[in-house]
Amino acid sequence: MKKVLGIYLILGVFLVCSPYKSYAQELIETNDCPHSVHYLDSLKSELKVKWPNNRTINLVFHGHSVPTGYTTRGVLDRLNAYPYRTLKKVNDFYPYSVVNTITTSIGGEQAEQGAKRFKAEVLIYKPDVLFIDYALNDRSIGLERAKVAWEQIIEEALEYGTKVILLTPTPDTREDITADEAPLAKHSEQIRALAKKYKVGLVDSYALFKELAESEPLIGYMSQNNHINQKGHQFVADAIFEYFKTSNCETN
């Protein structure tokens, strides 16, 4: 397993460090391969298929203003948001693939609102992979209500046959990202637990930014207090792409 700055990468992007180590260890497969290595194996095989036998793969990003591409003062930069930066990385890595990035995210929305319209406005796009990113706005409804809404979305997506990848929040500079009692830290903890419960993917953006904050100011990754800039979006896209990479890690 690759070692980066003394921190092992689990779930592709999940940093195995206290207080998350015990959770990460539970997600290591018996051959010590991270969950991310094999979670999208069937999809990675399809991404390698050449025309005329290939098909369109739909990556759907459901959430709030960050995946939508909002920067500051209501200005959007859609093509530089992480859903489209992910598309670029996937297309470059799989040059024969036909991949759509579809954003069903809405600025200002929280998970309860996203759950209400999920079947009618998200599943119609036939997602092969669904990414969920609501935690920044879920602070307005609290942990309990957010959990119910996330579970509804996850269960409906899995029933449909979609692969699901949960995202913990990107930073809000009005909160202390190093504080375990910060609201976003609590929502991140809940999202990790949901990934474990449903055995789905996890991109732990919050843990990654928290680690980053130990070596450099996060302001360089932000367009405003609660929206990441292009550099921040690339940081998330690179983490997401870990699920699409091939690996020498073999199953038993």
C-alpha atoms as a PDB file:
ATOM      1  CA  MET A   1       0.000   0.000   0.000  1.00  0.00           C
ATOM      2  CA  LYS A   2       1.405   3.349  -0.992  1.00  0.00           C
ATOM      3  CA  LYS A   3       2.723   5.466   1.835  1.00  0.00           C
ATOM      4  CA  VAL A   4       2.452   9.242   1.464  1.00  0.00           C
ATOM      5  CA  LEU A   5       4.087  11.442   4.063  1.00  0.00           C
ATOM      6  CA  GLY A   6       3.762   8.591   6.539  1.00  0.00           C
ATOM      7  CA  ILE A   7      -0.015   8.380   6.118  1.00  0.00           C
ATOM      8  CA  TYR A   8      -1.582   5.394   4.441  1.00  0.00           C
ATOM      9  CA  LEU A   9      -4.250   6.031   1.857  1.00  0.00           C
ATOM     10  CA  ILE A  10      -7.414   4.079   2.564  1.00  0.00           C
ATOM     11  CA  LEU A  11     -10.574   4.302   0.531  1.00  0.00           C
ATOM     12  CA  GLY A  12      -8.352   5.954  -2.022  1.00  0.00           C
ATOM     13  CA  VAL A  13      -8.572   9.266  -0.241  1.00  0.00           C
ATOM     14  CA  PHE A  14      -9.273   8.356   3.369  1.00  0.00           C
ATOM     15  CA  LEU A  15      -6.311   9.252   5.541  1.00  0.00           C
ATOM     16  CA  VAL A  16      -5.650   6.639   8.175  1.00  0.00           C
ATOM     17  CA  CYS A  17      -4.762   8.678  11.180  1.00  0.00           C
ATOM     18  CA  SER A  18      -6.210   9.091  14.644  1.00  0.00           C
ATOM     19  CA  PRO A  19      -9.123   9.397  15.343  1.00  0.00           C
ATOM     20  CA  TYR A  20     -10.107   7.580  12.126  1.00  0.00           C
ATOM     21  CA  LYS A  21      -7.668   4.673  12.184  1.00  0.00           C
ATOM     22  CA  SER A  22      -9.961   2.040  13.659  1.00  0.00           C
ATOM     23  CA  TYR A  23     -12.707   2.877  11.158  1.00  0.00           C
ATOM     24  CA  ALA A  24     -10.321   2.702   8.235  1.00  0.00           C
ATOM     25  CA  GLN A  25      -8.890  -0.605   9.377  1.00  0.00           C
ATOM     26  CA  GLU A  26     -12.354  -2.145   9.350  1.00  0.00           C
ATOM     27  CA  LEU A  27     -12.680  -1.233   5.677  1.00  0.00           C
ATOM     28  CA  ILE A  28      -9.431  -2.896   4.634  1.00  0.00           C
ATOM     29  CA  GLU A  29     -10.134  -6.053   2.694  1.00  0.00           C
ATOM     30  CA  THR A  30      -8.540  -9.336   3.726  1.00  0.00           C
ATOM     31  CA  ASN A  31      -5.745  -8.793   1.178  1.00  0.00           C
ATOM     32  CA  ASP A  32      -5.010  -5.318   2.592  1.00  0.00           C
ATOM     33  CA  CYS A  33      -6.398  -3.596  -0.497  1.00  0.00           C
ATOM     34  CA  PRO A  34      -8.309  -0.382   0.192  1.00  0.00           C
ATOM     35  CA  HIS A  35     -12.032  -0.366  -0.560  1.00  0.00           C
ATOM     36  CA  SER A  36     -11.513   2.179  -3.331  1.00  0.00           C
ATOM     37  CA  VAL A  37      -9.301  -0.184  -5.323  1.00  0.00           C
ATOM     38  CA  HIS A  38     -12.143  -2.564  -6.166  1.00  0.00           C
ATOM     39  CA  TYR A  39     -15.397  -0.702  -5.500  1.00  0.00           C
ATOM     40  CA  LEU A  40     -15.729   0.422  -9.141  1.00  0.00           C
ATOM     41  CA  ASP A  41     -14.055  -2.606 -10.746  1.00  0.00           C
ATOM     42  CA  SER A  42     -16.989  -3.460 -13.009  1.00  0.00           C
ATOM     43  CA  LEU A  43     -17.247   0.137 -14.136  1.00  0.00           C
ATOM     44  CA  LYS A  44     -13.513   0.437 -14.782  1.00  0.00           C
ATOM     45  CA  SER A  45     -13.770  -2.568 -17.077  1.00  0.00           C
ATOM     46  CA  GLU A  46     -16.535  -0.871 -19.044  1.00  0.00           C
ATOM     47  CA  LEU A  47     -14.539   2.338 -19.298  1.00  0.00           C
ATOM     48  CA  LYS A  48     -11.869   0.433 -21.234  1.00  0.00           C
ATOM     49  CA  VAL A  49     -14.269  -0.877 -23.894  1.00  0.00           C
ATOM     50  CA  LYS A  50     -13.786   0.595 -27.375  1.00  0.00           C
ATOM     51  CA  TRP A  51     -16.419   1.690 -29.873  1.00  0.00           C
ATOM     52  CA  PRO A  52     -18.723   0.225 -31.080  1.00  0.00           C
ATOM     53  CA  ASN A  53     -19.143  -1.931 -27.978  1.00  0.00           C
ATOM     54  CA  ASN A  54     -18.839   0.819 -25.397  1.00  0.00           C
ATOM     55  CA  ARG A  55     -21.724   2.641 -23.749  1.00  0.00           C
ATOM     56  CA  THR A  56     -22.307   5.976 -22.045  1.00  0.00           C
ATOM     57  CA  ILE A  57     -21.357   6.064 -18.359  1.00  0.00           C
ATOM     58  CA  ASN A  58     -23.185   8.624 -16.196  1.00  0.00           C
ATOM     59  CA  LEU A  59     -21.529  10.194 -13.154  1.00  0.00           C
ATOM     60  CA  VAL A  60     -24.159  12.133 -11.197  1.00  0.00           C
ATOM     61  CA  PHE A  61     -23.240  14.691  -8.545  1.00  0.00           C
ATOM     62  CA  HIS A  62     -26.032  15.482  -6.090  1.00  0.00           C
ATOM     63  CA  GLY A  63     -25.660  18.187  -3.504  1.00  0.00           C
ATOM     64  CA  HIS A  64     -25.391  21.917  -2.928  1.00  0.00           C
ATOM     65  CA  SER A  65     -23.493  24.939  -4.257  1.00  0.00           C
ATOM     66  CA  VAL A  66     -19.991  23.439  -4.182  1.00  0.00           C
ATOM     67  CA  PRO A  67     -20.483  20.702  -6.817  1.00  0.00           C
ATOM     68  CA  THR A  68     -22.684  23.153  -8.723  1.00  0.00           C
ATOM     69  CA  GLY A  69     -19.657  25.406  -9.145  1.00  0.00           C
ATOM     70  CA  TYR A  70     -20.503  28.531  -7.148  1.00  0.00           C
ATOM     71  CA  THR A  71     -17.503  30.692  -6.323  1.00  0.00           C
ATOM     72  CA  THR A  72     -18.331  34.016  -4.679  1.00  0.00           C
ATOM     73  CA  ARG A  73     -21.078  36.658  -4.935  1.00  0.00           C
ATOM     74  CA  GLY A  74     -23.266  34.267  -6.929  1.00  0.00           C
ATOM     75  CA  VAL A  75     -20.724  33.776  -9.718  1.00  0.00           C
ATOM     76  CA  LEU A  76     -20.359  30.246 -11.073  1.00  0.00           C
ATOM     77  CA  ASP A  77     -17.375  28.512 -12.626  1.00  0.00           C
ATOM     78  CA  ARG A  78     -19.018  25.285 -13.704  1.00  0.00           C
ATOM     79  CA  LEU A  79     -16.283  23.758 -15.817  1.00  0.00           C
ATOM     80  CA  ASN A  80     -13.705  24.197 -13.076  1.00  0.00           C
ATOM     81  CA  ALA A  81     -15.859  22.605 -10.366  1.00  0.00           C
ATOM     82  CA  TYR A  82     -14.825  19.152  -9.190  1.00  0.00           C
ATOM     83  CA  PRO A  83     -17.520  17.223 -11.148  1.00  0.00           C
ATOM     84  CA  TYR A  84     -16.059  18.452 -14.441  1.00  0.00           C
ATOM     85  CA  ARG A  85     -12.463  18.211 -13.293  1.00  0.00           C
ATOM     86  CA  THR A  86     -13.251  14.592 -12.407  1.00  0.00           C
ATOM     87  CA  LEU A  87     -14.653  14.078 -15.914  1.00  0.00           C
ATOM     88  CA  LYS A  88     -11.429  15.418 -17.429  1.00  0.00           C
ATOM     89  CA  LYS A  89      -9.291  13.064 -15.359  1.00  0.00           C
ATOM     90  CA  VAL A  90     -11.480  10.037 -16.142  1.00  0.00           C
ATOM     91  CA  ASN A  91     -11.571  10.802 -19.859  1.00  0.00           C
ATOM     92  CA  ASP A  92      -7.805  11.276 -20.030  1.00  0.00           C
ATOM     93  CA  PHE A  93      -7.217   7.997 -18.181  1.00  0.00           C
ATOM     94  CA  TYR A  94      -9.801   6.051 -20.225  1.00  0.00           C
ATOM     95  CA  PRO A  95      -9.515   7.556 -23.730  1.00  0.00           C
ATOM     96  CA  TYR A  96     -12.073   5.187 -25.264  1.00  0.00           C
ATOM     97  CA  SER A  97     -14.752   5.976 -22.701  1.00  0.00           C
ATOM     98  CA  VAL A  98     -17.937   7.963 -23.199  1.00  0.00           C
ATOM     99  CA  VAL A  99     -18.596   9.593 -19.835  1.00  0.00           C
ATOM    100  CA  ASN A 100     -21.166  12.173 -18.812  1.00  0.00           C
ATOM    101  CA  THR A 101     -20.852  14.373 -15.753  1.00  0.00           C
ATOM    102  CA  ILE A 102     -24.352  15.370 -14.638  1.00  0.00           C
ATOM    103  CA  THR A 103     -24.936  17.766 -11.759  1.00  0.00           C
ATOM    104  CA  THR A 104     -28.307  17.606 -10.030  1.00  0.00           C
ATOM    105  CA  SER A 105     -26.995  19.838  -7.249  1.00  0.00           C
ATOM    106  CA  ILE A 106     -28.690  23.113  -6.300  1.00  0.00           C
ATOM    107  CA  GLY A 107     -27.070  26.021  -4.494  1.00  0.00           C
ATOM    108  CA  GLY A 108     -28.418  26.467  -0.976  1.00  0.00           C
ATOM    109  CA  GLU A 109     -30.051  23.049  -0.826  1.00  0.00           C
ATOM    110  CA  GLN A 110     -29.728  20.631   2.083  1.00  0.00           C
ATOM    111  CA  ALA A 111     -30.147  16.841   2.113  1.00  0.00           C
ATOM    112  CA  GLU A 112     -33.846  16.797   3.013  1.00  0.00           C
ATOM    113  CA  GLN A 113     -34.640  18.853  -0.060  1.00  0.00           C
ATOM    114  CA  GLY A 114     -32.342  16.688  -2.165  1.00  0.00           C
ATOM    115  CA  ALA A 115     -34.021  13.518  -0.902  1.00  0.00           C
ATOM    116  CA  LYS A 116     -37.493  14.769  -1.815  1.00  0.00           C
ATOM    117  CA  ARG A 117     -36.608  15.190  -5.476  1.00  0.00           C
ATOM    118  CA  PHE A 118     -34.189  12.285  -5.769  1.00  0.00           C
ATOM    119  CA  LYS A 119     -36.358   9.767  -7.618  1.00  0.00           C
ATOM    120  CA  ALA A 120     -37.939  12.289  -9.952  1.00  0.00           C
ATOM    121  CA  GLU A 121     -34.917  14.461 -10.732  1.00  0.00           C
ATOM    122  CA  VAL A 122     -31.841  12.283 -10.207  1.00  0.00           C
ATOM    123  CA  LEU A 123     -32.603   8.644 -11.008  1.00  0.00           C
ATOM    124  CA  ILE A 124     -33.998   9.738 -14.379  1.00  0.00           C
ATOM    125  CA  TYR A 125     -30.364  10.238 -15.432  1.00  0.00           C
ATOM    126  CA  LYS A 126     -29.606   6.543 -14.828  1.00  0.00           C
ATOM    127  CA  PRO A 127     -26.504   7.159 -12.694  1.00  0.00           C
ATOM    128  CA  ASP A 128     -23.755   4.575 -12.812  1.00  0.00           C
ATOM    129  CA  VAL A 129     -22.071   6.379  -9.918  1.00  0.00           C
ATOM    130  CA  LEU A 130     -23.780   8.810  -7.558  1.00  0.00           C
ATOM    131  CA  PHE A 131     -21.756  11.315  -5.529  1.00  0.00           C
ATOM    132  CA  ILE A 132     -23.483  12.965  -2.529  1.00  0.00           C
ATOM    133  CA  ASP A 133     -22.194  16.251  -1.078  1.00  0.00           C
ATOM    134  CA  TYR A 134     -24.619  18.020   1.285  1.00  0.00           C
ATOM    135  CA  ALA A 135     -22.915  18.418   4.642  1.00  0.00           C
ATOM    136  CA  LEU A 136     -22.076  22.124   4.439  1.00  0.00           C
ATOM    137  CA  ASN A 137     -25.765  22.976   4.245  1.00  0.00           C
ATOM    138  CA  ASP A 138     -26.942  20.155   6.509  1.00  0.00           C
ATOM    139  CA  ARG A 139     -25.769  22.162   9.487  1.00  0.00           C
ATOM    140  CA  SER A 140     -29.072  24.037   9.142  1.00  0.00           C
ATOM    141  CA  ILE A 141     -31.134  20.883   9.771  1.00  0.00           C
ATOM    142  CA  GLY A 142     -28.900  19.092  12.240  1.00  0.00           C
ATOM    143  CA  LEU A 143     -27.386  15.629  12.398  1.00  0.00           C
ATOM    144  CA  GLU A 144     -30.522  13.560  12.995  1.00  0.00           C
ATOM    145  CA  ARG A 145     -32.549  14.974  10.120  1.00  0.00           C
ATOM    146  CA  ALA A 146     -29.526  14.904   7.829  1.00  0.00           C
ATOM    147  CA  LYS A 147     -28.934  11.234   8.596  1.00  0.00           C
ATOM    148  CA  VAL A 148     -32.505  10.301   7.679  1.00  0.00           C
ATOM    149  CA  ALA A 149     -32.240  12.174   4.379  1.00  0.00           C
ATOM    150  CA  TRP A 150     -28.841  10.707   3.467  1.00  0.00           C
ATOM    151  CA  GLU A 151     -30.053   7.205   4.255  1.00  0.00           C
ATOM    152  CA  GLN A 152     -33.080   7.686   2.011  1.00  0.00           C
ATOM    153  CA  ILE A 153     -30.914   8.817  -0.900  1.00  0.00           C
ATOM    154  CA  ILE A 154     -28.377   6.030  -0.388  1.00  0.00           C
ATOM    155  CA  GLU A 155     -31.019   3.306  -0.121  1.00  0.00           C
ATOM    156  CA  GLU A 156     -32.920   4.496  -3.192  1.00  0.00           C
ATOM    157  CA  ALA A 157     -29.701   4.683  -5.201  1.00  0.00           C
ATOM    158  CA  LEU A 158     -28.547   1.219  -4.145  1.00  0.00           C
ATOM    159  CA  GLU A 159     -31.964  -0.243  -4.894  1.00  0.00           C
ATOM    160  CA  TYR A 160     -31.680   1.240  -8.382  1.00  0.00           C
ATOM    161  CA  GLY A 161     -28.293  -0.455  -8.809  1.00  0.00           C
ATOM    162  CA  THR A 162     -26.100   2.626  -8.607  1.00  0.00           C
ATOM    163  CA  LYS A 163     -22.652   2.752  -7.039  1.00  0.00           C
ATOM    164  CA  VAL A 164     -22.644   5.409  -4.313  1.00  0.00           C
ATOM    165  CA  ILE A 165     -19.750   7.553  -3.117  1.00  0.00           C
ATOM    166  CA  LEU A 166     -20.283   9.865  -0.144  1.00  0.00           C
ATOM    167  CA  LEU A 167     -18.319  13.078   0.314  1.00  0.00           C
ATOM    168  CA  THR A 168     -17.551  14.685   3.642  1.00  0.00           C
ATOM    169  CA  PRO A 169     -17.653  18.501   3.458  1.00  0.00           C
ATOM    170  CA  THR A 170     -15.085  20.873   2.069  1.00  0.00           C
ATOM    171  CA  PRO A 171     -14.057  23.580   4.566  1.00  0.00           C
ATOM    172  CA  ASP A 172     -15.887  26.586   5.910  1.00  0.00           C
ATOM    173  CA  THR A 173     -13.256  29.017   7.176  1.00  0.00           C
ATOM    174  CA  ARG A 174     -15.662  30.307   9.839  1.00  0.00           C
ATOM    175  CA  GLU A 175     -15.153  26.975  11.615  1.00  0.00           C
ATOM    176  CA  ASP A 176     -11.973  25.630  13.149  1.00  0.00           C
ATOM    177  CA  ILE A 177     -11.233  22.577  11.041  1.00  0.00           C
ATOM    178  CA  THR A 178      -8.883  21.251  13.721  1.00  0.00           C
ATOM    179  CA  ALA A 179     -11.665  21.148  16.337  1.00  0.00           C
ATOM    180  CA  ASP A 180     -13.348  17.752  16.795  1.00  0.00           C
ATOM    181  CA  GLU A 181     -16.478  19.456  18.150  1.00  0.00           C
ATOM    182  CA  ALA A 182     -16.961  21.709  15.119  1.00  0.00           C
ATOM    183  CA  PRO A 183     -20.329  21.146  13.359  1.00  0.00           C
ATOM    184  CA  LEU A 184     -18.677  20.043  10.113  1.00  0.00           C
ATOM    185  CA  ALA A 185     -16.507  17.600  12.027  1.00  0.00           C
ATOM    186  CA  LYS A 186     -19.638  16.022  13.489  1.00  0.00           C
ATOM    187  CA  HIS A 187     -21.319  15.769  10.085  1.00  0.00           C
ATOM    188  CA  SER A 188     -18.133  14.239   8.658  1.00  0.00           C
ATOM    189  CA  GLU A 189     -18.144  11.644  11.400  1.00  0.00           C
ATOM    190  CA  GLN A 190     -21.747  10.761  10.562  1.00  0.00           C
ATOM    191  CA  ILE A 191     -20.992  10.458   6.842  1.00  0.00           C
ATOM    192  CA  ARG A 192     -18.102   8.093   7.544  1.00  0.00           C
ATOM    193  CA  ALA A 193     -20.443   5.966   9.622  1.00  0.00           C
ATOM    194  CA  LEU A 194     -22.978   5.878   6.780  1.00  0.00           C
ATOM    195  CA  ALA A 195     -20.290   4.763   4.319  1.00  0.00           C
ATOM    196  CA  LYS A 196     -19.392   1.966   6.695  1.00  0.00           C
ATOM    197  CA  LYS A 197     -23.022   0.962   7.312  1.00  0.00           C
ATOM    198  CA  TYR A 198     -23.930   0.730   3.628  1.00  0.00           C
ATOM    199  CA  LYS A 199     -20.496  -0.440   2.420  1.00  0.00           C
ATOM    200  CA  VAL A 200     -20.322   2.325  -0.156  1.00  0.00           C
ATOM    201  CA  GLY A 201     -17.504   4.618  -1.256  1.00  0.00           C
ATOM    202  CA  LEU A 202     -16.173   7.553   0.730  1.00  0.00           C
ATOM    203  CA  VAL A 203     -14.203  10.608  -0.317  1.00  0.00           C
ATOM    204  CA  ASP A 204     -13.158  12.162   2.958  1.00  0.00           C
ATOM    205  CA  SER A 205     -12.611  15.733   1.782  1.00  0.00           C
ATOM    206  CA  TYR A 206     -12.827  17.048   5.338  1.00  0.00           C
ATOM    207  CA  ALA A 207     -10.001  14.811   6.580  1.00  0.00           C
ATOM    208  CA  LEU A 208      -7.884  15.705   3.568  1.00  0.00           C
ATOM    209  CA  PHE A 209      -8.327  19.448   4.070  1.00  0.00           C
ATOM    210  CA  LYS A 210      -7.758  19.018   7.800  1.00  0.00           C
ATOM    211  CA  GLU A 211      -4.437  17.341   7.093  1.00  0.00           C
ATOM    212  CA  LEU A 212      -3.580  20.015   4.547  1.00  0.00           C
ATOM    213  CA  ALA A 213      -4.259  22.750   7.115  1.00  0.00           C
ATOM    214  CA  GLU A 214      -1.357  21.447   9.191  1.00  0.00           C
ATOM    215  CA  SER A 215       1.123  22.526   6.519  1.00  0.00           C
ATOM    216  CA  GLU A 216      -0.471  25.493   4.740  1.00  0.00           C
ATOM    217  CA  PRO A 217      -3.321  28.010   5.121  1.00  0.00           C
ATOM    218  CA  LEU A 218      -6.597  26.824   3.599  1.00  0.00           C
ATOM    219  CA  ILE A 219      -7.395  30.341   2.379  1.00  0.00           C
ATOM    220  CA  GLY A 220      -5.387  29.508  -0.743  1.00  0.00           C
ATOM    221  CA  TYR A 221      -8.005  26.877  -1.599  1.00  0.00           C
ATOM    222  CA  MET A 222     -11.086  29.049  -0.987  1.00  0.00           C
ATOM    223  CA  SER A 223     -13.024  31.506  -3.143  1.00  0.00           C
ATOM    224  CA  GLN A 224     -15.078  32.577  -0.124  1.00  0.00           C
ATOM    225  CA  ASN A 225     -15.593  31.256   3.397  1.00  0.00           C
ATOM    226  CA  ASN A 226     -17.677  28.221   2.337  1.00  0.00           C
ATOM    227  CA  HIS A 227     -16.770  27.747  -1.330  1.00  0.00           C
ATOM    228  CA  ILE A 228     -13.530  26.250  -2.596  1.00  0.00           C
ATOM    229  CA  ASN A 229     -11.723  27.799  -5.564  1.00  0.00           C
ATOM    230  CA  GLN A 230     -10.255  26.068  -8.626  1.00  0.00           C
ATOM    231  CA  LYS A 231      -7.327  24.781  -6.596  1.00  0.00           C
ATOM    232  CA  GLY A 232      -9.711  23.386  -3.995  1.00  0.00           C
ATOM    233  CA  HIS A 233     -11.880  21.748  -6.642  1.00  0.00           C
ATOM    234  CA  GLN A 234      -8.820  20.076  -8.173  1.00  0.00           C
ATOM    235  CA  PHE A 235      -7.893  18.785  -4.729  1.00  0.00           C
ATOM    236  CA  VAL A 236     -11.308  17.099  -4.428  1.00  0.00           C
ATOM    237  CA  ALA A 237     -11.276  15.829  -8.017  1.00  0.00           C
ATOM    238  CA  ASP A 238      -7.884  14.201  -7.445  1.00  0.00           C
ATOM    239  CA  ALA A 239      -9.327  12.446  -4.403  1.00  0.00           C
ATOM    240  CA  ILE A 240     -12.391  11.234  -6.326  1.00  0.00           C
ATOM    241  CA  PHE A 241     -10.203   9.933  -9.128  1.00  0.00           C
ATOM    242  CA  GLU A 242      -8.600   7.422  -6.762  1.00  0.00           C
ATOM    243  CA  TYR A 243     -11.753   5.331  -7.310  1.00  0.00           C
ATOM    244  CA  PHE A 244     -11.134   5.191 -11.061  1.00  0.00           C
ATOM    245  CA  LYS A 245      -7.440   4.344 -11.051  1.00  0.00           C
ATOM    246  CA  THR A 246      -6.148   0.880 -11.755  1.00  0.00           C
ATOM    247  CA  SER A 247      -3.963  -0.767  -9.144  1.00  0.00           C
ATOM    248  CA  ASN A 248      -1.454  -3.552  -8.706  1.00  0.00           C
ATOM    249  CA  CYS A 249      -3.350  -4.566  -5.579  1.00  0.00           C
ATOM    250  CA  GLU A 250      -4.834  -7.964  -6.419  1.00  0.00           C
ATOM    251  CA  THR A 251      -7.766  -9.782  -4.900  1.00  0.00           C
ATOM    252  CA  ASN A 252      -7.193 -13.138  -3.277  1.00  0.00           C
END
